[in-house]
Amino acid sequence: MWRGALNRCPICGEGKVFKGFLRVVDRCEVCQAPLGRLRADDAPPYFTIFLVGHLLVPPIFWLERAQEPPFWFYLLVGLPLFAILTTLLLRPVKGATVGLMVRLGLEG
């Protein structure tokens, strides 16, 4: 999973997992592992939303209880923070999911 999160082939650790932002390569350029057959589908977005929610919701609840900021604060700070953090974590989470699928033998 760690190799996949770092955009490395989960099998050999040298080739790349992605050829675009989220598109998985058909075959590893080094070991020729058929990574393109792995279909992560909805798991990476689910895991990413789960992680970001658990990272940001508790501080938001604390802030609401301690300071009671106005609604516009959440629109100007909260929404972009959620969007940026989700976008930054989506690719490593998808790579880790591909690594987990290889480890479990789920090769489509």
PDB file of N, CA and C in Angstrom:
ATOM      1  N   MET A   1       0.827  -1.191   0.000  1.00  0.00           N
ATOM      2  CA  MET A   1       0.000   0.000   0.000  1.00  0.00           C
ATOM      3  C   MET A   1       0.875   1.260   0.000  1.00  0.00           C
ATOM      4  N   TRP A   2       1.978   1.208   0.748  1.00  0.00           N
ATOM      5  CA  TRP A   2       2.858   2.378   0.828  1.00  0.00           C
ATOM      6  C   TRP A   2       3.456   2.703  -0.529  1.00  0.00           C
ATOM      7  N   ARG A   3       3.875   1.674  -1.272  1.00  0.00           N
ATOM      8  CA  ARG A   3       4.433   1.903  -2.610  1.00  0.00           C
ATOM      9  C   ARG A   3       3.402   2.573  -3.510  1.00  0.00           C
ATOM     10  N   GLY A   4       2.182   2.080  -3.482  1.00  0.00           N
ATOM     11  CA  GLY A   4       1.121   2.660  -4.307  1.00  0.00           C
ATOM     12  C   GLY A   4       0.846   4.104  -3.934  1.00  0.00           C
ATOM     13  N   ALA A   5       0.861   4.407  -2.643  1.00  0.00           N
ATOM     14  CA  ALA A   5       0.623   5.782  -2.191  1.00  0.00           C
ATOM     15  C   ALA A   5       1.715   6.727  -2.677  1.00  0.00           C
ATOM     16  N   LEU A   6       2.928   6.181  -2.905  1.00  0.00           N
ATOM     17  CA  LEU A   6       4.048   6.998  -3.394  1.00  0.00           C
ATOM     18  C   LEU A   6       4.174   6.969  -4.918  1.00  0.00           C
ATOM     19  N   ASN A   7       3.136   6.486  -5.612  1.00  0.00           N
ATOM     20  CA  ASN A   7       3.105   6.386  -7.076  1.00  0.00           C
ATOM     21  C   ASN A   7       4.178   5.438  -7.596  1.00  0.00           C
ATOM     22  N   ARG A   8       4.391   4.362  -6.888  1.00  0.00           N
ATOM     23  CA  ARG A   8       5.321   3.314  -7.308  1.00  0.00           C
ATOM     24  C   ARG A   8       4.535   2.023  -7.488  1.00  0.00           C
ATOM     25  N   CYS A   9       5.001   1.189  -8.392  1.00  0.00           N
ATOM     26  CA  CYS A   9       4.352  -0.097  -8.645  1.00  0.00           C
ATOM     27  C   CYS A   9       4.302  -0.896  -7.341  1.00  0.00           C
ATOM     28  N   PRO A  10       3.144  -1.403  -6.964  1.00  0.00           N
ATOM     29  CA  PRO A  10       3.042  -2.161  -5.719  1.00  0.00           C
ATOM     30  C   PRO A  10       3.827  -3.472  -5.745  1.00  0.00           C
ATOM     31  N   ILE A  11       4.164  -3.955  -6.932  1.00  0.00           N
ATOM     32  CA  ILE A  11       4.849  -5.240  -7.036  1.00  0.00           C
ATOM     33  C   ILE A  11       6.369  -5.062  -7.011  1.00  0.00           C
ATOM     34  N   CYS A  12       6.900  -4.225  -7.907  1.00  0.00           N
ATOM     35  CA  CYS A  12       8.365  -4.077  -7.980  1.00  0.00           C
ATOM     36  C   CYS A  12       8.883  -2.846  -7.242  1.00  0.00           C
ATOM     37  N   GLY A  13       8.039  -1.844  -7.042  1.00  0.00           N
ATOM     38  CA  GLY A  13       8.463  -0.645  -6.330  1.00  0.00           C
ATOM     39  C   GLY A  13       9.234   0.350  -7.169  1.00  0.00           C
ATOM     40  N   GLU A  14       9.372   0.108  -8.473  1.00  0.00           N
ATOM     41  CA  GLU A  14      10.162   0.996  -9.318  1.00  0.00           C
ATOM     42  C   GLU A  14       9.336   1.734 -10.360  1.00  0.00           C
ATOM     43  N   GLY A  15       8.412   1.069 -11.018  1.00  0.00           N
ATOM     44  CA  GLY A  15       7.597   1.713 -12.047  1.00  0.00           C
ATOM     45  C   GLY A  15       6.547   2.623 -11.433  1.00  0.00           C
ATOM     46  N   LYS A  16       5.878   3.373 -12.277  1.00  0.00           N
ATOM     47  CA  LYS A  16       4.833   4.298 -11.825  1.00  0.00           C
ATOM     48  C   LYS A  16       3.470   3.612 -11.865  1.00  0.00           C
ATOM     49  N   VAL A  17       2.558   4.056 -10.997  1.00  0.00           N
ATOM     50  CA  VAL A  17       1.194   3.538 -10.976  1.00  0.00           C
ATOM     51  C   VAL A  17       0.303   4.370 -11.889  1.00  0.00           C
ATOM     52  N   PHE A  18       0.526   5.683 -11.940  1.00  0.00           N
ATOM     53  CA  PHE A  18      -0.362   6.583 -12.679  1.00  0.00           C
ATOM     54  C   PHE A  18       0.310   7.143 -13.918  1.00  0.00           C
ATOM     55  N   LYS A  19      -0.500   7.300 -14.978  1.00  0.00           N
ATOM     56  CA  LYS A  19      -0.003   7.988 -16.164  1.00  0.00           C
ATOM     57  C   LYS A  19      -0.649   9.363 -16.308  1.00  0.00           C
ATOM     58  N   GLY A  20      -1.653   9.646 -15.553  1.00  0.00           N
ATOM     59  CA  GLY A  20      -2.281  10.955 -15.483  1.00  0.00           C
ATOM     60  C   GLY A  20      -2.461  11.291 -14.019  1.00  0.00           C
ATOM     61  N   PHE A  21      -3.451  12.118 -13.735  1.00  0.00           N
ATOM     62  CA  PHE A  21      -3.681  12.443 -12.324  1.00  0.00           C
ATOM     63  C   PHE A  21      -4.230  11.234 -11.574  1.00  0.00           C
ATOM     64  N   LEU A  22      -5.227  10.549 -12.161  1.00  0.00           N
ATOM     65  CA  LEU A  22      -5.814   9.384 -11.503  1.00  0.00           C
ATOM     66  C   LEU A  22      -5.895   8.156 -12.407  1.00  0.00           C
ATOM     67  N   ARG A  23      -5.403   8.243 -13.612  1.00  0.00           N
ATOM     68  CA  ARG A  23      -5.483   7.109 -14.551  1.00  0.00           C
ATOM     69  C   ARG A  23      -4.331   6.136 -14.291  1.00  0.00           C
ATOM     70  N   VAL A  24      -4.687   4.888 -14.019  1.00  0.00           N
ATOM     71  CA  VAL A  24      -3.698   3.851 -13.732  1.00  0.00           C
ATOM     72  C   VAL A  24      -3.092   3.366 -15.053  1.00  0.00           C
ATOM     73  N   VAL A  25      -1.774   3.142 -15.066  1.00  0.00           N
ATOM     74  CA  VAL A  25      -1.092   2.656 -16.272  1.00  0.00           C
ATOM     75  C   VAL A  25      -1.604   1.259 -16.617  1.00  0.00           C
ATOM     76  N   ASP A  26      -1.536   0.901 -17.900  1.00  0.00           N
ATOM     77  CA  ASP A  26      -1.967  -0.434 -18.314  1.00  0.00           C
ATOM     78  C   ASP A  26      -1.038  -1.505 -17.755  1.00  0.00           C
ATOM     79  N   ARG A  27       0.265  -1.276 -17.888  1.00  0.00           N
ATOM     80  CA  ARG A  27       1.271  -2.215 -17.393  1.00  0.00           C
ATOM     81  C   ARG A  27       2.414  -1.416 -16.759  1.00  0.00           C
ATOM     82  N   CYS A  28       3.006  -1.980 -15.739  1.00  0.00           N
ATOM     83  CA  CYS A  28       4.179  -1.360 -15.123  1.00  0.00           C
ATOM     84  C   CYS A  28       5.304  -1.349 -16.155  1.00  0.00           C
ATOM     85  N   GLU A  29       5.993  -0.240 -16.271  1.00  0.00           N
ATOM     86  CA  GLU A  29       7.072  -0.121 -17.261  1.00  0.00           C
ATOM     87  C   GLU A  29       8.292  -0.961 -16.908  1.00  0.00           C
ATOM     88  N   VAL A  30       8.415  -1.388 -15.662  1.00  0.00           N
ATOM     89  CA  VAL A  30       9.581  -2.162 -15.229  1.00  0.00           C
ATOM     90  C   VAL A  30       9.283  -3.663 -15.180  1.00  0.00           C
ATOM     91  N   CYS A  31       8.254  -4.056 -14.431  1.00  0.00           N
ATOM     92  CA  CYS A  31       7.977  -5.489 -14.228  1.00  0.00           C
ATOM     93  C   CYS A  31       6.833  -6.020 -15.097  1.00  0.00           C
ATOM     94  N   GLN A  32       6.196  -5.164 -15.856  1.00  0.00           N
ATOM     95  CA  GLN A  32       5.085  -5.530 -16.748  1.00  0.00           C
ATOM     96  C   GLN A  32       3.866  -6.080 -16.007  1.00  0.00           C
ATOM     97  N   ALA A  33       3.684  -5.697 -14.752  1.00  0.00           N
ATOM     98  CA  ALA A  33       2.498  -6.124 -13.994  1.00  0.00           C
ATOM     99  C   ALA A  33       1.268  -5.452 -14.599  1.00  0.00           C
ATOM    100  N   PRO A  34       0.170  -6.190 -14.782  1.00  0.00           N
ATOM    101  CA  PRO A  34      -1.033  -5.632 -15.409  1.00  0.00           C
ATOM    102  C   PRO A  34      -1.852  -4.776 -14.435  1.00  0.00           C
ATOM    103  N   LEU A  35      -1.365  -3.586 -14.129  1.00  0.00           N
ATOM    104  CA  LEU A  35      -2.058  -2.712 -13.168  1.00  0.00           C
ATOM    105  C   LEU A  35      -3.339  -2.124 -13.743  1.00  0.00           C
ATOM    106  N   GLY A  36      -3.447  -2.034 -15.063  1.00  0.00           N
ATOM    107  CA  GLY A  36      -4.634  -1.465 -15.693  1.00  0.00           C
ATOM    108  C   GLY A  36      -5.882  -2.290 -15.496  1.00  0.00           C
ATOM    109  N   ARG A  37      -5.721  -3.552 -15.150  1.00  0.00           N
ATOM    110  CA  ARG A  37      -6.886  -4.408 -14.924  1.00  0.00           C
ATOM    111  C   ARG A  37      -7.508  -4.184 -13.556  1.00  0.00           C
ATOM    112  N   LEU A  38      -6.809  -3.506 -12.663  1.00  0.00           N
ATOM    113  CA  LEU A  38      -7.332  -3.242 -11.322  1.00  0.00           C
ATOM    114  C   LEU A  38      -8.337  -2.104 -11.372  1.00  0.00           C
ATOM    115  N   ARG A  39      -9.534  -2.341 -10.864  1.00  0.00           N
ATOM    116  CA  ARG A  39     -10.598  -1.341 -10.885  1.00  0.00           C
ATOM    117  C   ARG A  39     -10.916  -0.897  -9.462  1.00  0.00           C
ATOM    118  N   ALA A  40     -10.378   0.228  -9.055  1.00  0.00           N
ATOM    119  CA  ALA A  40     -10.608   0.718  -7.693  1.00  0.00           C
ATOM    120  C   ALA A  40     -12.002   1.325  -7.546  1.00  0.00           C
ATOM    121  N   ASP A  41     -12.570   1.819  -8.635  1.00  0.00           N
ATOM    122  CA  ASP A  41     -13.922   2.380  -8.687  1.00  0.00           C
ATOM    123  C   ASP A  41     -14.165   3.443  -7.613  1.00  0.00           C
ATOM    124  N   ASP A  42     -15.120   3.209  -6.702  1.00  0.00           N
ATOM    125  CA  ASP A  42     -15.537   4.228  -5.736  1.00  0.00           C
ATOM    126  C   ASP A  42     -14.806   4.165  -4.401  1.00  0.00           C
ATOM    127  N   ALA A  43     -13.934   3.210  -4.212  1.00  0.00           N
ATOM    128  CA  ALA A  43     -13.257   3.067  -2.925  1.00  0.00           C
ATOM    129  C   ALA A  43     -12.350   4.258  -2.603  1.00  0.00           C
ATOM    130  N   PRO A  44     -11.471   4.723  -3.523  1.00  0.00           N
ATOM    131  CA  PRO A  44     -10.596   5.845  -3.168  1.00  0.00           C
ATOM    132  C   PRO A  44     -11.338   7.135  -2.779  1.00  0.00           C
ATOM    133  N   PRO A  45     -12.388   7.556  -3.523  1.00  0.00           N
ATOM    134  CA  PRO A  45     -13.107   8.752  -3.053  1.00  0.00           C
ATOM    135  C   PRO A  45     -13.759   8.551  -1.688  1.00  0.00           C
ATOM    136  N   TYR A  46     -14.293   7.370  -1.457  1.00  0.00           N
ATOM    137  CA  TYR A  46     -14.908   7.090  -0.154  1.00  0.00           C
ATOM    138  C   TYR A  46     -13.880   7.197   0.964  1.00  0.00           C
ATOM    139  N   PHE A  47     -12.722   6.533   0.792  1.00  0.00           N
ATOM    140  CA  PHE A  47     -11.678   6.581   1.810  1.00  0.00           C
ATOM    141  C   PHE A  47     -11.157   8.007   2.009  1.00  0.00           C
ATOM    142  N   THR A  48     -11.039   8.760   0.909  1.00  0.00           N
ATOM    143  CA  THR A  48     -10.532  10.132   0.993  1.00  0.00           C
ATOM    144  C   THR A  48     -11.496  11.022   1.770  1.00  0.00           C
ATOM    145  N   ILE A  49     -12.775  10.938   1.451  1.00  0.00           N
ATOM    146  CA  ILE A  49     -13.779  11.728   2.171  1.00  0.00           C
ATOM    147  C   ILE A  49     -13.805  11.340   3.645  1.00  0.00           C
ATOM    148  N   PHE A  50     -13.673  10.054   3.913  1.00  0.00           N
ATOM    149  CA  PHE A  50     -13.639   9.561   5.296  1.00  0.00           C
ATOM    150  C   PHE A  50     -12.454  10.173   6.051  1.00  0.00           C
ATOM    151  N   LEU A  51     -11.268  10.154   5.427  1.00  0.00           N
ATOM    152  CA  LEU A  51     -10.065  10.717   6.063  1.00  0.00           C
ATOM    153  C   LEU A  51     -10.186  12.226   6.292  1.00  0.00           C
ATOM    154  N   VAL A  52     -10.564  12.941   5.244  1.00  0.00           N
ATOM    155  CA  VAL A  52     -10.661  14.404   5.349  1.00  0.00           C
ATOM    156  C   VAL A  52     -11.720  14.790   6.374  1.00  0.00           C
ATOM    157  N   GLY A  53     -12.825  14.089   6.376  1.00  0.00           N
ATOM    158  CA  GLY A  53     -13.863  14.377   7.359  1.00  0.00           C
ATOM    159  C   GLY A  53     -13.369  14.188   8.781  1.00  0.00           C
ATOM    160  N   HIS A  54     -12.621  13.112   9.017  1.00  0.00           N
ATOM    161  CA  HIS A  54     -12.114  12.861  10.365  1.00  0.00           C
ATOM    162  C   HIS A  54     -10.981  13.813  10.749  1.00  0.00           C
ATOM    163  N   LEU A  55     -10.302  14.377   9.759  1.00  0.00           N
ATOM    164  CA  LEU A  55      -9.252  15.357  10.055  1.00  0.00           C
ATOM    165  C   LEU A  55      -9.816  16.749  10.323  1.00  0.00           C
ATOM    166  N   LEU A  56     -10.848  17.156   9.589  1.00  0.00           N
ATOM    167  CA  LEU A  56     -11.301  18.541   9.661  1.00  0.00           C
ATOM    168  C   LEU A  56     -12.572  18.781  10.480  1.00  0.00           C
ATOM    169  N   VAL A  57     -13.424  17.799  10.611  1.00  0.00           N
ATOM    170  CA  VAL A  57     -14.676  18.033  11.342  1.00  0.00           C
ATOM    171  C   VAL A  57     -14.440  18.300  12.837  1.00  0.00           C
ATOM    172  N   PRO A  58     -13.599  17.551  13.539  1.00  0.00           N
ATOM    173  CA  PRO A  58     -13.390  17.880  14.959  1.00  0.00           C
ATOM    174  C   PRO A  58     -12.869  19.309  15.197  1.00  0.00           C
ATOM    175  N   PRO A  59     -11.861  19.799  14.427  1.00  0.00           N
ATOM    176  CA  PRO A  59     -11.462  21.194  14.643  1.00  0.00           C
ATOM    177  C   PRO A  59     -12.574  22.196  14.319  1.00  0.00           C
ATOM    178  N   ILE A  60     -13.397  21.882  13.343  1.00  0.00           N
ATOM    179  CA  ILE A  60     -14.506  22.782  13.015  1.00  0.00           C
ATOM    180  C   ILE A  60     -15.518  22.807  14.155  1.00  0.00           C
ATOM    181  N   PHE A  61     -15.828  21.646  14.715  1.00  0.00           N
ATOM    182  CA  PHE A  61     -16.738  21.616  15.871  1.00  0.00           C
ATOM    183  C   PHE A  61     -16.150  22.380  17.050  1.00  0.00           C
ATOM    184  N   TRP A  62     -14.856  22.215  17.295  1.00  0.00           N
ATOM    185  CA  TRP A  62     -14.219  22.942  18.391  1.00  0.00           C
ATOM    186  C   TRP A  62     -14.285  24.449  18.147  1.00  0.00           C
ATOM    187  N   LEU A  63     -13.971  24.850  16.916  1.00  0.00           N
ATOM    188  CA  LEU A  63     -14.009  26.276  16.567  1.00  0.00           C
ATOM    189  C   LEU A  63     -15.414  26.846  16.737  1.00  0.00           C
ATOM    190  N   GLU A  64     -16.406  26.106  16.306  1.00  0.00           N
ATOM    191  CA  GLU A  64     -17.789  26.566  16.437  1.00  0.00           C
ATOM    192  C   GLU A  64     -18.174  26.731  17.902  1.00  0.00           C
ATOM    193  N   ARG A  65     -17.750  25.824  18.720  1.00  0.00           N
ATOM    194  CA  ARG A  65     -18.096  25.903  20.144  1.00  0.00           C
ATOM    195  C   ARG A  65     -17.321  27.005  20.865  1.00  0.00           C
ATOM    196  N   ALA A  66     -16.045  27.186  20.512  1.00  0.00           N
ATOM    197  CA  ALA A  66     -15.201  28.142  21.221  1.00  0.00           C
ATOM    198  C   ALA A  66     -15.379  29.578  20.723  1.00  0.00           C
ATOM    199  N   GLN A  67     -15.474  29.772  19.423  1.00  0.00           N
ATOM    200  CA  GLN A  67     -15.462  31.126  18.868  1.00  0.00           C
ATOM    201  C   GLN A  67     -16.771  31.567  18.219  1.00  0.00           C
ATOM    202  N   GLU A  68     -17.582  30.634  17.770  1.00  0.00           N
ATOM    203  CA  GLU A  68     -18.811  30.924  17.035  1.00  0.00           C
ATOM    204  C   GLU A  68     -18.573  31.884  15.867  1.00  0.00           C
ATOM    205  N   PRO A  69     -17.741  31.479  14.893  1.00  0.00           N
ATOM    206  CA  PRO A  69     -17.481  32.365  13.752  1.00  0.00           C
ATOM    207  C   PRO A  69     -18.726  32.507  12.871  1.00  0.00           C
ATOM    208  N   PRO A  70     -18.798  33.580  12.092  1.00  0.00           N
ATOM    209  CA  PRO A  70     -19.947  33.764  11.208  1.00  0.00           C
ATOM    210  C   PRO A  70     -19.937  32.735  10.066  1.00  0.00           C
ATOM    211  N   PHE A  71     -21.072  32.582   9.427  1.00  0.00           N
ATOM    212  CA  PHE A  71     -21.239  31.599   8.368  1.00  0.00           C
ATOM    213  C   PHE A  71     -20.283  31.851   7.206  1.00  0.00           C
ATOM    214  N   TRP A  72     -20.031  33.119   6.883  1.00  0.00           N
ATOM    215  CA  TRP A  72     -19.159  33.421   5.746  1.00  0.00           C
ATOM    216  C   TRP A  72     -17.747  32.896   5.981  1.00  0.00           C
ATOM    217  N   PHE A  73     -17.322  32.754   7.231  1.00  0.00           N
ATOM    218  CA  PHE A  73     -16.005  32.197   7.530  1.00  0.00           C
ATOM    219  C   PHE A  73     -15.892  30.768   7.003  1.00  0.00           C
ATOM    220  N   TYR A  74     -16.942  29.991   7.202  1.00  0.00           N
ATOM    221  CA  TYR A  74     -16.928  28.611   6.716  1.00  0.00           C
ATOM    222  C   TYR A  74     -16.918  28.562   5.188  1.00  0.00           C
ATOM    223  N   LEU A  75     -17.603  29.501   4.558  1.00  0.00           N
ATOM    224  CA  LEU A  75     -17.608  29.549   3.091  1.00  0.00           C
ATOM    225  C   LEU A  75     -16.246  29.942   2.535  1.00  0.00           C
ATOM    226  N   LEU A  76     -15.579  30.888   3.185  1.00  0.00           N
ATOM    227  CA  LEU A  76     -14.291  31.369   2.681  1.00  0.00           C
ATOM    228  C   LEU A  76     -13.105  30.497   3.092  1.00  0.00           C
ATOM    229  N   VAL A  77     -13.199  29.832   4.227  1.00  0.00           N
ATOM    230  CA  VAL A  77     -12.073  29.035   4.717  1.00  0.00           C
ATOM    231  C   VAL A  77     -12.379  27.533   4.684  1.00  0.00           C
ATOM    232  N   GLY A  78     -13.510  27.143   5.190  1.00  0.00           N
ATOM    233  CA  GLY A  78     -13.834  25.727   5.329  1.00  0.00           C
ATOM    234  C   GLY A  78     -13.994  24.996   4.009  1.00  0.00           C
ATOM    235  N   LEU A  79     -14.802  25.529   3.115  1.00  0.00           N
ATOM    236  CA  LEU A  79     -15.023  24.853   1.834  1.00  0.00           C
ATOM    237  C   LEU A  79     -13.745  24.710   1.016  1.00  0.00           C
ATOM    238  N   PRO A  80     -12.953  25.777   0.822  1.00  0.00           N
ATOM    239  CA  PRO A  80     -11.700  25.579   0.090  1.00  0.00           C
ATOM    240  C   PRO A  80     -10.746  24.606   0.786  1.00  0.00           C
ATOM    241  N   LEU A  81     -10.702  24.628   2.108  1.00  0.00           N
ATOM    242  CA  LEU A  81      -9.835  23.710   2.839  1.00  0.00           C
ATOM    243  C   LEU A  81     -10.234  22.264   2.594  1.00  0.00           C
ATOM    244  N   PHE A  82     -11.530  21.973   2.650  1.00  0.00           N
ATOM    245  CA  PHE A  82     -12.013  20.628   2.356  1.00  0.00           C
ATOM    246  C   PHE A  82     -11.684  20.237   0.917  1.00  0.00           C
ATOM    247  N   ALA A  83     -11.922  21.136  -0.032  1.00  0.00           N
ATOM    248  CA  ALA A  83     -11.689  20.828  -1.446  1.00  0.00           C
ATOM    249  C   ALA A  83     -10.208  20.582  -1.738  1.00  0.00           C
ATOM    250  N   ILE A  84      -9.350  21.424  -1.199  1.00  0.00           N
ATOM    251  CA  ILE A  84      -7.909  21.283  -1.454  1.00  0.00           C
ATOM    252  C   ILE A  84      -7.360  20.015  -0.810  1.00  0.00           C
ATOM    253  N   LEU A  85      -7.722  19.768   0.428  1.00  0.00           N
ATOM    254  CA  LEU A  85      -7.222  18.582   1.119  1.00  0.00           C
ATOM    255  C   LEU A  85      -7.727  17.293   0.459  1.00  0.00           C
ATOM    256  N   THR A  86      -8.977  17.291   0.019  1.00  0.00           N
ATOM    257  CA  THR A  86      -9.521  16.122  -0.673  1.00  0.00           C
ATOM    258  C   THR A  86      -8.791  15.880  -1.982  1.00  0.00           C
ATOM    259  N   THR A  87      -8.526  16.928  -2.736  1.00  0.00           N
ATOM    260  CA  THR A  87      -7.825  16.791  -4.009  1.00  0.00           C
ATOM    261  C   THR A  87      -6.392  16.313  -3.798  1.00  0.00           C
ATOM    262  N   LEU A  88      -5.722  16.819  -2.793  1.00  0.00           N
ATOM    263  CA  LEU A  88      -4.344  16.414  -2.533  1.00  0.00           C
ATOM    264  C   LEU A  88      -4.231  14.965  -2.056  1.00  0.00           C
ATOM    265  N   LEU A  89      -5.213  14.478  -1.327  1.00  0.00           N
ATOM    266  CA  LEU A  89      -5.153  13.124  -0.790  1.00  0.00           C
ATOM    267  C   LEU A  89      -5.703  12.057  -1.727  1.00  0.00           C
ATOM    268  N   LEU A  90      -6.460  12.441  -2.746  1.00  0.00           N
ATOM    269  CA  LEU A  90      -7.120  11.456  -3.588  1.00  0.00           C
ATOM    270  C   LEU A  90      -6.136  10.560  -4.332  1.00  0.00           C
ATOM    271  N   ARG A  91      -5.094  11.118  -4.886  1.00  0.00           N
ATOM    272  CA  ARG A  91      -4.134  10.310  -5.655  1.00  0.00           C
ATOM    273  C   ARG A  91      -3.352   9.324  -4.771  1.00  0.00           C
ATOM    274  N   PRO A  92      -2.787   9.758  -3.632  1.00  0.00           N
ATOM    275  CA  PRO A  92      -2.116   8.761  -2.775  1.00  0.00           C
ATOM    276  C   PRO A  92      -3.062   7.684  -2.250  1.00  0.00           C
ATOM    277  N   VAL A  93      -4.295   8.052  -1.953  1.00  0.00           N
ATOM    278  CA  VAL A  93      -5.256   7.066  -1.461  1.00  0.00           C
ATOM    279  C   VAL A  93      -5.605   6.072  -2.569  1.00  0.00           C
ATOM    280  N   LYS A  94      -5.738   6.554  -3.807  1.00  0.00           N
ATOM    281  CA  LYS A  94      -6.017   5.622  -4.903  1.00  0.00           C
ATOM    282  C   LYS A  94      -4.821   4.702  -5.132  1.00  0.00           C
ATOM    283  N   GLY A  95      -3.611   5.221  -5.051  1.00  0.00           N
ATOM    284  CA  GLY A  95      -2.432   4.374  -5.185  1.00  0.00           C
ATOM    285  C   GLY A  95      -2.366   3.321  -4.092  1.00  0.00           C
ATOM    286  N   ALA A  96      -2.688   3.706  -2.872  1.00  0.00           N
ATOM    287  CA  ALA A  96      -2.695   2.746  -1.764  1.00  0.00           C
ATOM    288  C   ALA A  96      -3.782   1.698  -1.970  1.00  0.00           C
ATOM    289  N   THR A  97      -4.919   2.105  -2.520  1.00  0.00           N
ATOM    290  CA  THR A  97      -5.993   1.158  -2.803  1.00  0.00           C
ATOM    291  C   THR A  97      -5.561   0.162  -3.867  1.00  0.00           C
ATOM    292  N   VAL A  98      -4.867   0.631  -4.897  1.00  0.00           N
ATOM    293  CA  VAL A  98      -4.339  -0.277  -5.919  1.00  0.00           C
ATOM    294  C   VAL A  98      -3.340  -1.243  -5.286  1.00  0.00           C
ATOM    295  N   GLY A  99      -2.492  -0.760  -4.410  1.00  0.00           N
ATOM    296  CA  GLY A  99      -1.555  -1.629  -3.710  1.00  0.00           C
ATOM    297  C   GLY A  99      -2.259  -2.672  -2.859  1.00  0.00           C
ATOM    298  N   LEU A 100      -3.321  -2.273  -2.185  1.00  0.00           N
ATOM    299  CA  LEU A 100      -4.094  -3.212  -1.380  1.00  0.00           C
ATOM    300  C   LEU A 100      -4.749  -4.264  -2.265  1.00  0.00           C
ATOM    301  N   MET A 101      -5.262  -3.841  -3.410  1.00  0.00           N
ATOM    302  CA  MET A 101      -5.897  -4.787  -4.332  1.00  0.00           C
ATOM    303  C   MET A 101      -4.891  -5.806  -4.856  1.00  0.00           C
ATOM    304  N   VAL A 102      -3.665  -5.362  -5.140  1.00  0.00           N
ATOM    305  CA  VAL A 102      -2.619  -6.292  -5.568  1.00  0.00           C
ATOM    306  C   VAL A 102      -2.303  -7.271  -4.449  1.00  0.00           C
ATOM    307  N   ARG A 103      -2.188  -6.767  -3.244  1.00  0.00           N
ATOM    308  CA  ARG A 103      -1.857  -7.618  -2.089  1.00  0.00           C
ATOM    309  C   ARG A 103      -2.933  -8.674  -1.833  1.00  0.00           C
ATOM    310  N   LEU A 104      -4.207  -8.286  -2.033  1.00  0.00           N
ATOM    311  CA  LEU A 104      -5.319  -9.206  -1.808  1.00  0.00           C
ATOM    312  C   LEU A 104      -5.580 -10.121  -2.999  1.00  0.00           C
ATOM    313  N   GLY A 105      -4.897  -9.867  -4.110  1.00  0.00           N
ATOM    314  CA  GLY A 105      -5.071 -10.705  -5.298  1.00  0.00           C
ATOM    315  C   GLY A 105      -6.319 -10.380  -6.095  1.00  0.00           C
ATOM    316  N   LEU A 106      -6.828  -9.180  -5.996  1.00  0.00           N
ATOM    317  CA  LEU A 106      -8.031  -8.759  -6.740  1.00  0.00           C
ATOM    318  C   LEU A 106      -7.632  -8.158  -8.068  1.00  0.00           C
ATOM    319  N   GLU A 107      -7.270  -8.980  -9.013  1.00  0.00           N
ATOM    320  CA  GLU A 107      -6.738  -8.486 -10.283  1.00  0.00           C
ATOM    321  C   GLU A 107      -7.738  -8.521 -11.421  1.00  0.00           C
ATOM    322  N   GLY A 108      -9.011  -8.274 -11.125  1.00  0.00           N
ATOM    323  CA  GLY A 108     -10.028  -8.157 -12.165  1.00  0.00           C
ATOM    324  C   GLY A 108     -10.159  -9.376 -12.983  1.00  0.00           C
TER     325      GLY A 108
END
